Structures are given as structure tokens and as C-alpha cells.
PDB file of N, CA and C in Angstrom:
ATOM      1  N   UNK A   1     121.047  61.234 120.910  1.00  0.00           N
ATOM      2  CA  UNK A   1     121.537  62.544 121.321  1.00  0.00           C
ATOM      3  C   UNK A   1     121.261  63.550 120.198  1.00  0.00           C
ATOM      4  N   UNK A   2     120.903  64.760 120.596  1.00  0.00           N
ATOM      5  CA  UNK A   2     120.571  65.796 119.630  1.00  0.00           C
ATOM      6  C   UNK A   2     121.834  66.323 118.952  1.00  0.00           C
ATOM      7  N   UNK A   3     121.742  66.527 117.658  1.00  0.00           N
ATOM      8  CA  UNK A   3     122.888  67.024 116.898  1.00  0.00           C
ATOM      9  C   UNK A   3     122.730  68.471 116.449  1.00  0.00           C
ATOM     10  N   UNK A   4     121.542  69.037 116.634  1.00  0.00           N
ATOM     11  CA  UNK A   4     121.297  70.409 116.200  1.00  0.00           C
ATOM     12  C   UNK A   4     120.939  71.285 117.391  1.00  0.00           C
ATOM     13  N   UNK A   5     121.267  72.551 117.264  1.00  0.00           N
ATOM     14  CA  UNK A   5     120.957  73.503 118.330  1.00  0.00           C
ATOM     15  C   UNK A   5     119.460  73.520 118.648  1.00  0.00           C
ATOM     16  N   UNK A   6     118.645  73.484 117.606  1.00  0.00           N
ATOM     17  CA  UNK A   6     117.196  73.530 117.804  1.00  0.00           C
ATOM     18  C   UNK A   6     116.702  72.265 118.517  1.00  0.00           C
ATOM     19  N   UNK A   7     117.305  71.133 118.209  1.00  0.00           N
ATOM     20  CA  UNK A   7     116.914  69.873 118.862  1.00  0.00           C
ATOM     21  C   UNK A   7     117.322  69.889 120.334  1.00  0.00           C
ATOM     22  N   UNK A   8     118.492  70.454 120.619  1.00  0.00           N
ATOM     23  CA  UNK A   8     118.941  70.566 122.016  1.00  0.00           C
ATOM     24  C   UNK A   8     118.000  71.473 122.806  1.00  0.00           C
ATOM     25  N   UNK A   9     117.591  72.563 122.186  1.00  0.00           N
ATOM     26  CA  UNK A   9     116.667  73.488 122.842  1.00  0.00           C
ATOM     27  C   UNK A   9     115.322  72.801 123.083  1.00  0.00           C
ATOM     28  N   UNK A  10     114.847  72.041 122.105  1.00  0.00           N
ATOM     29  CA  UNK A  10     113.570  71.339 122.239  1.00  0.00           C
ATOM     30  C   UNK A  10     113.635  70.332 123.390  1.00  0.00           C
ATOM     31  N   UNK A  11     114.773  69.669 123.577  1.00  0.00           N
ATOM     32  CA  UNK A  11     114.943  68.725 124.685  1.00  0.00           C
ATOM     33  C   UNK A  11     114.829  69.463 126.021  1.00  0.00           C
ATOM     34  N   UNK A  12     115.476  70.632 126.102  1.00  0.00           N
ATOM     35  CA  UNK A  12     115.394  71.435 127.335  1.00  0.00           C
ATOM     36  C   UNK A  12     113.954  71.871 127.600  1.00  0.00           C
ATOM     37  N   UNK A  13     113.265  72.332 126.550  1.00  0.00           N
ATOM     38  CA  UNK A  13     111.883  72.785 126.701  1.00  0.00           C
ATOM     39  C   UNK A  13     110.975  71.636 127.141  1.00  0.00           C
ATOM     40  N   UNK A  14     111.166  70.463 126.535  1.00  0.00           N
ATOM     41  CA  UNK A  14     110.347  69.306 126.889  1.00  0.00           C
ATOM     42  C   UNK A  14     110.544  68.900 128.339  1.00  0.00           C
ATOM     43  N   UNK A  15     111.779  68.933 128.801  1.00  0.00           N
ATOM     44  CA  UNK A  15     112.069  68.548 130.182  1.00  0.00           C
ATOM     45  C   UNK A  15     111.405  69.523 131.160  1.00  0.00           C
ATOM     46  N   UNK A  16     111.489  70.802 130.841  1.00  0.00           N
ATOM     47  CA  UNK A  16     110.887  71.828 131.694  1.00  0.00           C
ATOM     48  C   UNK A  16     109.367  71.675 131.740  1.00  0.00           C
ATOM     49  N   UNK A  17     108.762  71.485 130.569  1.00  0.00           N
ATOM     50  CA  UNK A  17     107.312  71.337 130.471  1.00  0.00           C
ATOM     51  C   UNK A  17     106.836  70.066 131.191  1.00  0.00           C
ATOM     52  N   UNK A  18     107.639  68.994 131.049  1.00  0.00           N
ATOM     53  CA  UNK A  18     107.313  67.721 131.688  1.00  0.00           C
ATOM     54  C   UNK A  18     107.269  67.874 133.205  1.00  0.00           C
ATOM     55  N   UNK A  19     108.216  68.621 133.760  1.00  0.00           N
ATOM     56  CA  UNK A  19     108.257  68.847 135.212  1.00  0.00           C
ATOM     57  C   UNK A  19     107.033  69.646 135.664  1.00  0.00           C
ATOM     58  N   UNK A  20     106.655  70.656 134.894  1.00  0.00           N
ATOM     59  CA  UNK A  20     105.492  71.474 135.236  1.00  0.00           C
ATOM     60  C   UNK A  20     104.221  70.640 135.176  1.00  0.00           C
ATOM     61  N   UNK A  21     104.081  69.847 134.105  1.00  0.00           N
ATOM     62  CA  UNK A  21     102.895  69.000 133.957  1.00  0.00           C
ATOM     63  C   UNK A  21     102.803  67.968 135.078  1.00  0.00           C
ATOM     64  N   UNK A  22     103.932  67.376 135.435  1.00  0.00           N
ATOM     65  CA  UNK A  22     103.950  66.372 136.500  1.00  0.00           C
ATOM     66  C   UNK A  22     103.519  67.000 137.825  1.00  0.00           C
ATOM     67  N   UNK A  23     104.009  68.199 138.098  1.00  0.00           N
ATOM     68  CA  UNK A  23     103.656  68.903 139.324  1.00  0.00           C
ATOM     69  C   UNK A  23     102.160  69.209 139.370  1.00  0.00           C
ATOM     70  N   UNK A  24     101.621  69.703 138.260  1.00  0.00           N
ATOM     71  CA  UNK A  24     100.198  70.035 138.202  1.00  0.00           C
ATOM     72  C   UNK A  24      99.320  68.797 138.338  1.00  0.00           C
ATOM     73  N   UNK A  25      99.708  67.709 137.676  1.00  0.00           N
ATOM     74  CA  UNK A  25      98.931  66.470 137.745  1.00  0.00           C
ATOM     75  C   UNK A  25      98.941  65.918 139.163  1.00  0.00           C
ATOM     76  N   UNK A  26     100.089  66.031 139.827  1.00  0.00           N
ATOM     77  CA  UNK A  26     100.212  65.560 141.205  1.00  0.00           C
ATOM     78  C   UNK A  26      99.304  66.378 142.133  1.00  0.00           C
ATOM     79  N   UNK A  27      99.285  67.698 141.923  1.00  0.00           N
ATOM     80  CA  UNK A  27      98.428  68.580 142.722  1.00  0.00           C
ATOM     81  C   UNK A  27      96.958  68.205 142.549  1.00  0.00           C
ATOM     82  N   UNK A  28      96.566  67.934 141.329  1.00  0.00           N
ATOM     83  CA  UNK A  28      95.188  67.543 141.025  1.00  0.00           C
ATOM     84  C   UNK A  28      94.841  66.232 141.719  1.00  0.00           C
ATOM     85  N   UNK A  29      95.691  65.232 141.562  1.00  0.00           N
ATOM     86  CA  UNK A  29      95.414  63.915 142.131  1.00  0.00           C
ATOM     87  C   UNK A  29      95.347  63.964 143.654  1.00  0.00           C
ATOM     88  N   UNK A  30      96.222  64.747 144.278  1.00  0.00           N
ATOM     89  CA  UNK A  30      96.215  64.881 145.733  1.00  0.00           C
ATOM     90  C   UNK A  30      94.897  65.483 146.203  1.00  0.00           C
ATOM     91  N   UNK A  31      94.437  66.524 145.525  1.00  0.00           N
ATOM     92  CA  UNK A  31      93.188  67.184 145.915  1.00  0.00           C
ATOM     93  C   UNK A  31      91.999  66.243 145.761  1.00  0.00           C
ATOM     94  N   UNK A  32      91.963  65.493 144.659  1.00  0.00           N
ATOM     95  CA  UNK A  32      90.859  64.557 144.432  1.00  0.00           C
ATOM     96  C   UNK A  32      90.882  63.448 145.484  1.00  0.00           C
ATOM     97  N   UNK A  33      92.095  62.977 145.845  1.00  0.00           N
ATOM     98  CA  UNK A  33      92.213  61.943 146.879  1.00  0.00           C
ATOM     99  C   UNK A  33      91.694  62.447 148.227  1.00  0.00           C
ATOM    100  N   UNK A  34      91.990  63.713 148.559  1.00  0.00           N
ATOM    101  CA  UNK A  34      91.496  64.289 149.818  1.00  0.00           C
ATOM    102  C   UNK A  34      89.968  64.279 149.838  1.00  0.00           C
ATOM    103  N   UNK A  35      89.371  64.700 148.734  1.00  0.00           N
ATOM    104  CA  UNK A  35      87.912  64.739 148.655  1.00  0.00           C
ATOM    105  C   UNK A  35      87.323  63.335 148.728  1.00  0.00           C
ATOM    106  N   UNK A  36      87.922  62.393 148.020  1.00  0.00           N
ATOM    107  CA  UNK A  36      87.426  61.010 148.045  1.00  0.00           C
ATOM    108  C   UNK A  36      87.573  60.392 149.432  1.00  0.00           C
ATOM    109  N   UNK A  37      88.620  60.761 150.165  1.00  0.00           N
ATOM    110  CA  UNK A  37      88.807  60.260 151.531  1.00  0.00           C
ATOM    111  C   UNK A  37      87.703  60.794 152.436  1.00  0.00           C
ATOM    112  N   UNK A  38      87.366  62.067 152.268  1.00  0.00           N
ATOM    113  CA  UNK A  38      86.285  62.665 153.052  1.00  0.00           C
ATOM    114  C   UNK A  38      84.953  61.993 152.716  1.00  0.00           C
ATOM    115  N   UNK A  39      84.763  61.675 151.446  1.00  0.00           N
ATOM    116  CA  UNK A  39      83.534  60.983 151.034  1.00  0.00           C
ATOM    117  C   UNK A  39      83.484  59.570 151.617  1.00  0.00           C
ATOM    118  N   UNK A  40      84.612  58.889 151.631  1.00  0.00           N
ATOM    119  CA  UNK A  40      84.662  57.531 152.170  1.00  0.00           C
ATOM    120  C   UNK A  40      84.372  57.522 153.663  1.00  0.00           C
ATOM    121  N   UNK A  41      84.768  58.600 154.342  1.00  0.00           N
ATOM    122  CA  UNK A  41      84.518  58.722 155.773  1.00  0.00           C
ATOM    123  C   UNK A  41      83.105  59.232 156.047  1.00  0.00           C
ATOM    124  N   UNK A  42      82.351  59.498 154.988  1.00  0.00           N
ATOM    125  CA  UNK A  42      80.972  60.001 155.084  1.00  0.00           C
ATOM    126  C   UNK A  42      80.911  61.318 155.862  1.00  0.00           C
ATOM    127  N   UNK A  43      81.943  62.153 155.681  1.00  0.00           N
ATOM    128  CA  UNK A  43      82.012  63.456 156.359  1.00  0.00           C
ATOM    129  C   UNK A  43      81.463  64.518 155.407  1.00  0.00           C
ATOM    130  N   UNK A  44      80.167  64.795 155.526  1.00  0.00           N
ATOM    131  CA  UNK A  44      79.514  65.720 154.593  1.00  0.00           C
ATOM    132  C   UNK A  44      80.072  67.142 154.687  1.00  0.00           C
ATOM    133  N   UNK A  45      80.345  67.600 155.897  1.00  0.00           N
ATOM    134  CA  UNK A  45      80.846  68.968 156.073  1.00  0.00           C
ATOM    135  C   UNK A  45      82.194  69.155 155.379  1.00  0.00           C
ATOM    136  N   UNK A  46      83.113  68.234 155.622  1.00  0.00           N
ATOM    137  CA  UNK A  46      84.430  68.358 155.014  1.00  0.00           C
ATOM    138  C   UNK A  46      84.363  68.151 153.499  1.00  0.00           C
ATOM    139  N   UNK A  47      83.518  67.232 153.051  1.00  0.00           N
ATOM    140  CA  UNK A  47      83.366  66.979 151.617  1.00  0.00           C
ATOM    141  C   UNK A  47      82.866  68.229 150.908  1.00  0.00           C
ATOM    142  N   UNK A  48      81.859  68.868 151.485  1.00  0.00           N
ATOM    143  CA  UNK A  48      81.299  70.083 150.892  1.00  0.00           C
ATOM    144  C   UNK A  48      82.338  71.195 150.853  1.00  0.00           C
ATOM    145  N   UNK A  49      83.135  71.259 151.920  1.00  0.00           N
ATOM    146  CA  UNK A  49      84.173  72.283 152.012  1.00  0.00           C
ATOM    147  C   UNK A  49      85.264  72.055 150.954  1.00  0.00           C
ATOM    148  N   UNK A  50      85.584  70.805 150.665  1.00  0.00           N
ATOM    149  CA  UNK A  50      86.648  70.478 149.713  1.00  0.00           C
ATOM    150  C   UNK A  50      86.180  70.512 148.253  1.00  0.00           C
ATOM    151  N   UNK A  51      84.874  70.507 148.041  1.00  0.00           N
ATOM    152  CA  UNK A  51      84.370  70.421 146.667  1.00  0.00           C
ATOM    153  C   UNK A  51      84.776  71.619 145.811  1.00  0.00           C
ATOM    154  N   UNK A  52      84.567  72.836 146.293  1.00  0.00           N
ATOM    155  CA  UNK A  52      84.875  74.023 145.489  1.00  0.00           C
ATOM    156  C   UNK A  52      86.350  74.113 145.086  1.00  0.00           C
ATOM    157  N   UNK A  53      87.300  73.934 146.034  1.00  0.00           N
ATOM    158  CA  UNK A  53      88.712  73.977 145.610  1.00  0.00           C
ATOM    159  C   UNK A  53      89.058  72.868 144.618  1.00  0.00           C
ATOM    160  N   UNK A  54      88.443  71.702 144.801  1.00  0.00           N
ATOM    161  CA  UNK A  54      88.716  70.577 143.898  1.00  0.00           C
ATOM    162  C   UNK A  54      88.215  70.875 142.491  1.00  0.00           C
ATOM    163  N   UNK A  55      86.990  71.380 142.388  1.00  0.00           N
ATOM    164  CA  UNK A  55      86.423  71.727 141.076  1.00  0.00           C
ATOM    165  C   UNK A  55      87.263  72.823 140.429  1.00  0.00           C
ATOM    166  N   UNK A  56      87.723  73.767 141.223  1.00  0.00           N
ATOM    167  CA  UNK A  56      88.554  74.849 140.708  1.00  0.00           C
ATOM    168  C   UNK A  56      89.852  74.303 140.118  1.00  0.00           C
ATOM    169  N   UNK A  57      90.502  73.385 140.831  1.00  0.00           N
ATOM    170  CA  UNK A  57      91.754  72.798 140.339  1.00  0.00           C
ATOM    171  C   UNK A  57      91.494  71.980 139.076  1.00  0.00           C
ATOM    172  N   UNK A  58      90.385  71.246 139.050  1.00  0.00           N
ATOM    173  CA  UNK A  58      90.039  70.463 137.861  1.00  0.00           C
ATOM    174  C   UNK A  58      89.887  71.381 136.652  1.00  0.00           C
ATOM    175  N   UNK A  59      89.195  72.503 136.833  1.00  0.00           N
ATOM    176  CA  UNK A  59      89.005  73.456 135.734  1.00  0.00           C
ATOM    177  C   UNK A  59      90.339  74.053 135.279  1.00  0.00           C
ATOM    178  N   UNK A  60      91.219  74.350 136.228  1.00  0.00           N
ATOM    179  CA  UNK A  60      92.532  74.895 135.880  1.00  0.00           C
ATOM    180  C   UNK A  60      93.338  73.894 135.064  1.00  0.00           C
ATOM    181  N   UNK A  61      93.218  72.623 135.411  1.00  0.00           N
ATOM    182  CA  UNK A  61      93.966  71.596 134.689  1.00  0.00           C
ATOM    183  C   UNK A  61      93.454  71.439 133.254  1.00  0.00           C
ATOM    184  N   UNK A  62      92.171  71.691 133.049  1.00  0.00           N
ATOM    185  CA  UNK A  62      91.639  71.670 131.681  1.00  0.00           C
ATOM    186  C   UNK A  62      92.270  72.809 130.883  1.00  0.00           C
ATOM    187  N   UNK A  63      92.337  73.987 131.491  1.00  0.00           N
ATOM    188  CA  UNK A  63      92.923  75.144 130.806  1.00  0.00           C
ATOM    189  C   UNK A  63      94.398  74.940 130.496  1.00  0.00           C
ATOM    190  N   UNK A  64      95.101  74.200 131.356  1.00  0.00           N
ATOM    191  CA  UNK A  64      96.525  73.954 131.154  1.00  0.00           C
ATOM    192  C   UNK A  64      96.790  72.767 130.227  1.00  0.00           C
ATOM    193  N   UNK A  65      95.718  72.048 129.871  1.00  0.00           N
ATOM    194  CA  UNK A  65      95.890  70.924 128.960  1.00  0.00           C
ATOM    195  C   UNK A  65      96.272  69.628 129.647  1.00  0.00           C
ATOM    196  N   UNK A  66      96.134  69.568 130.964  1.00  0.00           N
ATOM    197  CA  UNK A  66      96.477  68.358 131.711  1.00  0.00           C
ATOM    198  C   UNK A  66      95.344  67.340 131.609  1.00  0.00           C
ATOM    199  N   UNK A  67      94.107  67.834 131.612  1.00  0.00           N
ATOM    200  CA  UNK A  67      92.918  66.979 131.532  1.00  0.00           C
ATOM    201  C   UNK A  67      92.084  67.360 130.318  1.00  0.00           C
ATOM    202  N   UNK A  68      91.429  66.388 129.729  1.00  0.00           N
ATOM    203  CA  UNK A  68      90.466  66.657 128.665  1.00  0.00           C
ATOM    204  C   UNK A  68      89.196  67.208 129.309  1.00  0.00           C
ATOM    205  N   UNK A  69      88.493  68.085 128.612  1.00  0.00           N
ATOM    206  CA  UNK A  69      87.328  68.735 129.221  1.00  0.00           C
ATOM    207  C   UNK A  69      86.221  67.743 129.570  1.00  0.00           C
ATOM    208  N   UNK A  70      86.049  66.699 128.782  1.00  0.00           N
ATOM    209  CA  UNK A  70      85.021  65.708 129.107  1.00  0.00           C
ATOM    210  C   UNK A  70      85.395  64.888 130.331  1.00  0.00           C
ATOM    211  N   UNK A  71      86.671  64.585 130.475  1.00  0.00           N
ATOM    212  CA  UNK A  71      87.151  63.872 131.663  1.00  0.00           C
ATOM    213  C   UNK A  71      86.918  64.721 132.902  1.00  0.00           C
ATOM    214  N   UNK A  72      87.207  66.008 132.789  1.00  0.00           N
ATOM    215  CA  UNK A  72      87.006  66.927 133.907  1.00  0.00           C
ATOM    216  C   UNK A  72      85.525  66.997 134.271  1.00  0.00           C
ATOM    217  N   UNK A  73      84.676  67.074 133.279  1.00  0.00           N
ATOM    218  CA  UNK A  73      83.233  67.136 133.523  1.00  0.00           C
ATOM    219  C   UNK A  73      82.768  65.870 134.228  1.00  0.00           C
ATOM    220  N   UNK A  74      83.313  64.728 133.820  1.00  0.00           N
ATOM    221  CA  UNK A  74      82.951  63.457 134.443  1.00  0.00           C
ATOM    222  C   UNK A  74      83.384  63.425 135.905  1.00  0.00           C
ATOM    223  N   UNK A  75      84.614  63.869 136.192  1.00  0.00           N
ATOM    224  CA  UNK A  75      85.102  63.920 137.574  1.00  0.00           C
ATOM    225  C   UNK A  75      84.199  64.806 138.434  1.00  0.00           C
ATOM    226  N   UNK A  76      83.919  66.008 137.926  1.00  0.00           N
ATOM    227  CA  UNK A  76      83.109  66.963 138.690  1.00  0.00           C
ATOM    228  C   UNK A  76      81.711  66.409 138.941  1.00  0.00           C
ATOM    229  N   UNK A  77      81.134  65.804 137.926  1.00  0.00           N
ATOM    230  CA  UNK A  77      79.789  65.255 138.045  1.00  0.00           C
ATOM    231  C   UNK A  77      79.739  64.144 139.090  1.00  0.00           C
ATOM    232  N   UNK A  78      80.686  63.229 139.032  1.00  0.00           N
ATOM    233  CA  UNK A  78      80.697  62.100 139.963  1.00  0.00           C
ATOM    234  C   UNK A  78      80.944  62.548 141.396  1.00  0.00           C
ATOM    235  N   UNK A  79      81.895  63.455 141.577  1.00  0.00           N
ATOM    236  CA  UNK A  79      82.195  63.925 142.927  1.00  0.00           C
ATOM    237  C   UNK A  79      81.004  64.669 143.519  1.00  0.00           C
ATOM    238  N   UNK A  80      80.381  65.514 142.721  1.00  0.00           N
ATOM    239  CA  UNK A  80      79.215  66.271 143.187  1.00  0.00           C
ATOM    240  C   UNK A  80      78.072  65.329 143.526  1.00  0.00           C
ATOM    241  N   UNK A  81      77.875  64.311 142.677  1.00  0.00           N
ATOM    242  CA  UNK A  81      76.803  63.349 142.915  1.00  0.00           C
ATOM    243  C   UNK A  81      77.037  62.565 144.209  1.00  0.00           C
ATOM    244  N   UNK A  82      78.273  62.188 144.476  1.00  0.00           N
ATOM    245  CA  UNK A  82      78.579  61.443 145.709  1.00  0.00           C
ATOM    246  C   UNK A  82      78.300  62.310 146.949  1.00  0.00           C
ATOM    247  N   UNK A  83      78.611  63.589 146.857  1.00  0.00           N
ATOM    248  CA  UNK A  83      78.346  64.485 147.984  1.00  0.00           C
ATOM    249  C   UNK A  83      76.837  64.618 148.196  1.00  0.00           C
ATOM    250  N   UNK A  84      76.093  64.731 147.108  1.00  0.00           N
ATOM    251  CA  UNK A  84      74.640  64.848 147.205  1.00  0.00           C
ATOM    252  C   UNK A  84      74.033  63.592 147.833  1.00  0.00           C
ATOM    253  N   UNK A  85      74.617  62.439 147.543  1.00  0.00           N
ATOM    254  CA  UNK A  85      74.111  61.172 148.089  1.00  0.00           C
ATOM    255  C   UNK A  85      74.358  61.068 149.589  1.00  0.00           C
ATOM    256  N   UNK A  86      75.363  61.800 150.096  1.00  0.00           N
ATOM    257  CA  UNK A  86      75.651  61.754 151.539  1.00  0.00           C
ATOM    258  C   UNK A  86      74.508  62.350 152.358  1.00  0.00           C
ATOM    259  N   UNK A  87      73.946  63.442 151.849  1.00  0.00           N
ATOM    260  CA  UNK A  87      72.993  64.176 152.657  1.00  0.00           C
ATOM    261  C   UNK A  87      71.591  63.973 152.225  1.00  0.00           C
TER     262      UNK A  87
END
């Protein structure tokens, strides 16, 4: 348990930040799952339609510090490559 005012404040800040990060990570994972489901169904039209919003969310997560930039680049590259292989 925190014994100082500053430590108590830091606990509150960490809890708030943790909730925001969890929400953002969940949003990212849901979007990627939607795109991967479309790819698994070999639905080129829906996959192409979902690619731009997915890449946008991936880039936002890099800016927010949720994803490392190289990890994001790898995700974008693989997803784009899978879509290209469909058609």
C-alpha cells in the first residue's frame, strides 16, 4: 500500500493509463481479427475494404505506444501481402 501522496497519485494514474491501453489494444486486436477472418474466407472485396482502417488503427497504436513500430510494419506487410495473394 502506498504511504505517500505522490505514490497514491501514481497508482491512480497507472490504473487509468492501464484501462486506456487495454481498450486500445482490444480495439486493435478486434480489427486485425476481422481482417484475418475475411482473408481466411478468401473474400477479396471485404479484405480490401478492411485493410485501410486496419492499417490506420495499427499506425495509431504505434503513436500511442501500444505497438513497436517494427511490429506494426510487420503486421501491415503481412496483411497486405496476404491480400495481394488472394487476387
